[in-house]
Amino acid sequence: MAPDTLSLTSTAGKAVSGKFVLSAVGGPVGDYSIKVPAGMSGKLTVTPATGSLADGGSVTVTVTVTSKTALNTYVTVDPGGITVTVVLSIKA
């Protein structure tokens, strides 16, 4: 399970982080991975980006964004192809 959208607000060029929780429901997850779109390399990082979960287990995932401009992108959690939209708003 993961949220549909992670909304973040920061000043231009300053890193900001948000978190969501992945949970294994109905059985273990042998290997998961969280992928960042190629165009977001250097602007968006995910930690941990890979791992495994026991049945009923969970992990808190941190998404860190550094951008001088607002952005609307996503990360994809596999298995399952779950998409989490990441929205960065820039405040004055």
N, C-alpha and C. Protein backbone atom coordinates (compact mmCIF):
# COMPACT_ATOMS: atom_id res chain seq x y z
N MET A 1 0.85 -1.18 0.00
CA MET A 1 0.00 0.00 0.00
C MET A 1 0.89 1.24 0.00
N ALA A 2 0.48 2.23 -0.72
CA ALA A 2 1.20 3.50 -0.78
C ALA A 2 0.18 4.58 -1.12
N PRO A 3 0.48 5.83 -0.80
CA PRO A 3 -0.46 6.91 -1.12
C PRO A 3 -0.48 7.15 -2.63
N ASP A 4 -1.55 7.78 -3.10
CA ASP A 4 -1.63 8.13 -4.52
C ASP A 4 -0.74 9.32 -4.84
N THR A 5 -0.65 10.28 -3.90
CA THR A 5 0.09 11.51 -4.15
C THR A 5 0.88 11.93 -2.92
N LEU A 6 2.09 12.35 -3.15
CA LEU A 6 2.95 12.91 -2.12
C LEU A 6 3.17 14.38 -2.50
N SER A 7 2.59 15.30 -1.71
CA SER A 7 2.68 16.73 -2.02
C SER A 7 3.73 17.38 -1.12
N LEU A 8 4.67 18.08 -1.74
CA LEU A 8 5.77 18.72 -1.03
C LEU A 8 5.85 20.19 -1.40
N THR A 9 6.32 21.02 -0.46
CA THR A 9 6.50 22.45 -0.71
C THR A 9 7.87 22.86 -0.20
N SER A 10 8.58 23.65 -1.01
CA SER A 10 9.92 24.09 -0.64
C SER A 10 10.22 25.42 -1.33
N THR A 11 11.36 26.02 -0.95
CA THR A 11 11.86 27.17 -1.69
C THR A 11 12.74 26.64 -2.82
N ALA A 12 12.90 27.43 -3.86
CA ALA A 12 13.65 27.00 -5.05
C ALA A 12 15.05 26.53 -4.69
N GLY A 13 15.39 25.33 -5.13
CA GLY A 13 16.72 24.78 -4.96
C GLY A 13 16.99 24.13 -3.61
N LYS A 14 16.06 24.23 -2.67
CA LYS A 14 16.24 23.64 -1.35
C LYS A 14 15.61 22.26 -1.31
N ALA A 15 16.35 21.29 -0.78
CA ALA A 15 15.84 19.91 -0.71
C ALA A 15 14.68 19.82 0.26
N VAL A 16 13.70 19.02 -0.09
CA VAL A 16 12.55 18.74 0.78
C VAL A 16 12.25 17.25 0.67
N SER A 17 11.85 16.66 1.80
CA SER A 17 11.56 15.23 1.82
C SER A 17 10.15 14.96 2.30
N GLY A 18 9.61 13.87 1.82
CA GLY A 18 8.32 13.37 2.27
C GLY A 18 8.44 11.87 2.42
N LYS A 19 7.50 11.27 3.12
CA LYS A 19 7.58 9.83 3.37
C LYS A 19 6.25 9.16 3.08
N PHE A 20 6.35 7.88 2.71
CA PHE A 20 5.17 7.03 2.65
C PHE A 20 5.57 5.65 3.11
N VAL A 21 4.58 4.84 3.44
CA VAL A 21 4.82 3.51 3.99
C VAL A 21 4.37 2.46 2.98
N LEU A 22 5.25 1.50 2.71
CA LEU A 22 4.89 0.33 1.92
C LEU A 22 4.61 -0.81 2.89
N SER A 23 3.52 -1.53 2.64
CA SER A 23 3.17 -2.66 3.51
C SER A 23 2.92 -3.89 2.67
N ALA A 24 3.33 -5.04 3.20
CA ALA A 24 3.07 -6.33 2.54
C ALA A 24 1.77 -6.89 3.13
N VAL A 25 0.75 -6.99 2.30
CA VAL A 25 -0.55 -7.48 2.72
C VAL A 25 -0.87 -8.75 1.93
N GLY A 26 -1.17 -9.83 2.64
CA GLY A 26 -1.55 -11.07 1.96
C GLY A 26 -0.37 -11.94 1.58
N GLY A 27 0.79 -11.66 2.11
CA GLY A 27 1.96 -12.48 1.83
C GLY A 27 3.21 -11.64 1.77
N PRO A 28 4.37 -12.29 1.79
CA PRO A 28 5.63 -11.55 1.74
C PRO A 28 5.90 -10.98 0.34
N VAL A 29 6.76 -9.98 0.30
CA VAL A 29 7.23 -9.41 -0.96
C VAL A 29 8.71 -9.70 -1.01
N GLY A 30 9.10 -10.65 -1.88
CA GLY A 30 10.49 -11.09 -1.95
C GLY A 30 11.46 -9.97 -2.29
N ASP A 31 11.15 -9.22 -3.31
CA ASP A 31 12.00 -8.10 -3.73
C ASP A 31 11.11 -7.00 -4.28
N TYR A 32 11.21 -5.81 -3.72
CA TYR A 32 10.50 -4.67 -4.30
C TYR A 32 11.55 -3.68 -4.80
N SER A 33 11.12 -2.86 -5.74
CA SER A 33 11.98 -1.78 -6.22
C SER A 33 11.11 -0.57 -6.49
N ILE A 34 11.69 0.60 -6.27
CA ILE A 34 11.00 1.85 -6.52
C ILE A 34 11.81 2.60 -7.56
N LYS A 35 11.17 2.84 -8.70
CA LYS A 35 11.88 3.43 -9.83
C LYS A 35 11.53 4.91 -10.00
N VAL A 36 12.56 5.69 -10.30
CA VAL A 36 12.44 7.12 -10.56
C VAL A 36 12.57 7.31 -12.07
N PRO A 37 11.72 8.14 -12.69
CA PRO A 37 11.85 8.37 -14.14
C PRO A 37 13.24 8.91 -14.49
N ALA A 38 13.75 8.50 -15.62
CA ALA A 38 15.11 8.88 -16.04
C ALA A 38 15.31 10.39 -16.05
N GLY A 39 14.34 11.16 -16.45
CA GLY A 39 14.46 12.61 -16.52
C GLY A 39 14.54 13.28 -15.15
N MET A 40 14.27 12.53 -14.09
CA MET A 40 14.28 13.08 -12.74
C MET A 40 15.57 12.76 -11.98
N SER A 41 16.48 12.07 -12.64
CA SER A 41 17.75 11.73 -12.00
C SER A 41 18.45 13.00 -11.54
N GLY A 42 18.87 13.03 -10.29
CA GLY A 42 19.52 14.19 -9.73
C GLY A 42 18.56 15.17 -9.07
N LYS A 43 17.26 15.06 -9.40
CA LYS A 43 16.26 15.92 -8.78
C LYS A 43 15.44 15.18 -7.73
N LEU A 44 15.34 13.87 -7.89
CA LEU A 44 14.47 13.07 -7.03
C LEU A 44 15.19 11.79 -6.63
N THR A 45 15.25 11.52 -5.33
CA THR A 45 15.85 10.28 -4.85
C THR A 45 14.88 9.58 -3.92
N VAL A 46 15.02 8.25 -3.85
CA VAL A 46 14.15 7.42 -3.02
C VAL A 46 15.04 6.51 -2.17
N THR A 47 14.72 6.46 -0.85
CA THR A 47 15.48 5.61 0.06
C THR A 47 14.53 4.90 1.01
N PRO A 48 14.57 3.59 1.17
CA PRO A 48 15.34 2.64 0.35
C PRO A 48 14.63 2.40 -0.98
N ALA A 49 15.40 2.24 -2.02
CA ALA A 49 14.84 2.04 -3.36
C ALA A 49 14.57 0.57 -3.65
N THR A 50 15.15 -0.33 -2.86
CA THR A 50 14.92 -1.77 -3.03
C THR A 50 14.86 -2.42 -1.65
N GLY A 51 14.28 -3.61 -1.63
CA GLY A 51 14.24 -4.36 -0.38
C GLY A 51 13.26 -5.51 -0.46
N SER A 52 12.97 -6.09 0.68
CA SER A 52 11.99 -7.16 0.77
C SER A 52 11.18 -6.96 2.04
N LEU A 53 9.97 -7.52 2.05
CA LEU A 53 9.08 -7.38 3.19
C LEU A 53 8.49 -8.73 3.57
N ALA A 54 8.47 -9.03 4.85
CA ALA A 54 7.79 -10.22 5.35
C ALA A 54 6.29 -9.97 5.31
N ASP A 55 5.49 -11.02 5.33
CA ASP A 55 4.04 -10.87 5.38
C ASP A 55 3.67 -9.99 6.58
N GLY A 56 2.92 -8.94 6.32
CA GLY A 56 2.52 -8.02 7.37
C GLY A 56 3.57 -6.97 7.69
N GLY A 57 4.73 -7.06 7.06
CA GLY A 57 5.81 -6.11 7.31
C GLY A 57 5.59 -4.80 6.57
N SER A 58 6.33 -3.79 6.98
CA SER A 58 6.24 -2.50 6.30
C SER A 58 7.59 -1.79 6.35
N VAL A 59 7.73 -0.81 5.49
CA VAL A 59 8.95 0.00 5.45
C VAL A 59 8.54 1.44 5.14
N THR A 60 9.20 2.39 5.79
CA THR A 60 8.97 3.81 5.49
C THR A 60 9.94 4.23 4.39
N VAL A 61 9.40 4.77 3.32
CA VAL A 61 10.18 5.20 2.16
C VAL A 61 10.27 6.72 2.18
N THR A 62 11.48 7.24 2.04
CA THR A 62 11.70 8.69 2.00
C THR A 62 11.96 9.12 0.57
N VAL A 63 11.20 10.11 0.12
CA VAL A 63 11.38 10.70 -1.21
C VAL A 63 11.94 12.10 -0.99
N THR A 64 13.10 12.37 -1.58
CA THR A 64 13.73 13.69 -1.45
C THR A 64 13.78 14.35 -2.83
N VAL A 65 13.33 15.60 -2.88
CA VAL A 65 13.29 16.34 -4.14
C VAL A 65 14.11 17.62 -3.98
N THR A 66 14.96 17.88 -4.97
CA THR A 66 15.69 19.15 -5.04
C THR A 66 15.47 19.71 -6.44
N SER A 67 14.77 20.83 -6.51
CA SER A 67 14.48 21.43 -7.82
C SER A 67 14.31 22.93 -7.66
N LYS A 68 14.71 23.66 -8.68
CA LYS A 68 14.54 25.11 -8.68
C LYS A 68 13.17 25.50 -9.20
N THR A 69 12.47 24.54 -9.81
CA THR A 69 11.14 24.79 -10.36
C THR A 69 10.15 23.76 -9.82
N ALA A 70 8.87 24.12 -9.86
CA ALA A 70 7.83 23.20 -9.46
C ALA A 70 7.87 21.98 -10.38
N LEU A 71 7.46 20.84 -9.87
CA LEU A 71 7.41 19.66 -10.72
C LEU A 71 6.27 18.74 -10.31
N ASN A 72 5.87 17.95 -11.26
CA ASN A 72 4.82 16.95 -11.06
C ASN A 72 5.33 15.70 -11.75
N THR A 73 5.74 14.72 -10.98
CA THR A 73 6.32 13.49 -11.53
C THR A 73 5.78 12.31 -10.74
N TYR A 74 6.45 11.20 -10.79
CA TYR A 74 5.97 10.00 -10.10
C TYR A 74 7.13 9.06 -9.82
N VAL A 75 6.88 8.11 -8.92
CA VAL A 75 7.77 6.97 -8.74
C VAL A 75 6.89 5.74 -8.91
N THR A 76 7.49 4.64 -9.34
CA THR A 76 6.74 3.40 -9.55
C THR A 76 7.28 2.31 -8.64
N VAL A 77 6.37 1.67 -7.91
CA VAL A 77 6.72 0.59 -7.00
C VAL A 77 6.38 -0.73 -7.67
N ASP A 78 7.39 -1.61 -7.79
CA ASP A 78 7.19 -2.95 -8.34
C ASP A 78 7.61 -3.97 -7.30
N PRO A 79 6.99 -5.14 -7.18
CA PRO A 79 5.92 -5.59 -8.08
C PRO A 79 4.62 -4.83 -7.81
N GLY A 80 3.75 -4.87 -8.79
CA GLY A 80 2.44 -4.26 -8.64
C GLY A 80 2.23 -3.04 -9.51
N GLY A 81 3.32 -2.41 -9.94
CA GLY A 81 3.18 -1.24 -10.79
C GLY A 81 2.42 -0.10 -10.11
N ILE A 82 2.59 0.04 -8.80
CA ILE A 82 1.91 1.10 -8.05
C ILE A 82 2.60 2.43 -8.34
N THR A 83 1.83 3.41 -8.74
CA THR A 83 2.38 4.73 -9.05
C THR A 83 2.05 5.69 -7.92
N VAL A 84 3.07 6.38 -7.43
CA VAL A 84 2.91 7.44 -6.44
C VAL A 84 3.30 8.75 -7.12
N THR A 85 2.35 9.66 -7.26
CA THR A 85 2.62 10.95 -7.86
C THR A 85 3.35 11.82 -6.85
N VAL A 86 4.39 12.49 -7.29
CA VAL A 86 5.17 13.40 -6.44
C VAL A 86 5.01 14.82 -7.02
N VAL A 87 4.44 15.70 -6.19
CA VAL A 87 4.19 17.08 -6.62
C VAL A 87 5.01 18.01 -5.74
N LEU A 88 5.84 18.85 -6.36
CA LEU A 88 6.62 19.84 -5.65
C LEU A 88 6.11 21.23 -6.01
N SER A 89 5.71 21.97 -4.98
CA SER A 89 5.32 23.37 -5.17
C SER A 89 6.44 24.25 -4.62
N ILE A 90 6.74 25.32 -5.33
CA ILE A 90 7.78 26.24 -4.90
C ILE A 90 7.10 27.46 -4.27
N LYS A 91 7.55 27.78 -3.05
CA LYS A 91 7.00 28.98 -2.39
C LYS A 91 7.99 30.13 -2.53
N ALA A 92 7.46 31.32 -2.51
CA ALA A 92 8.30 32.52 -2.66
C ALA A 92 9.13 32.78 -1.44
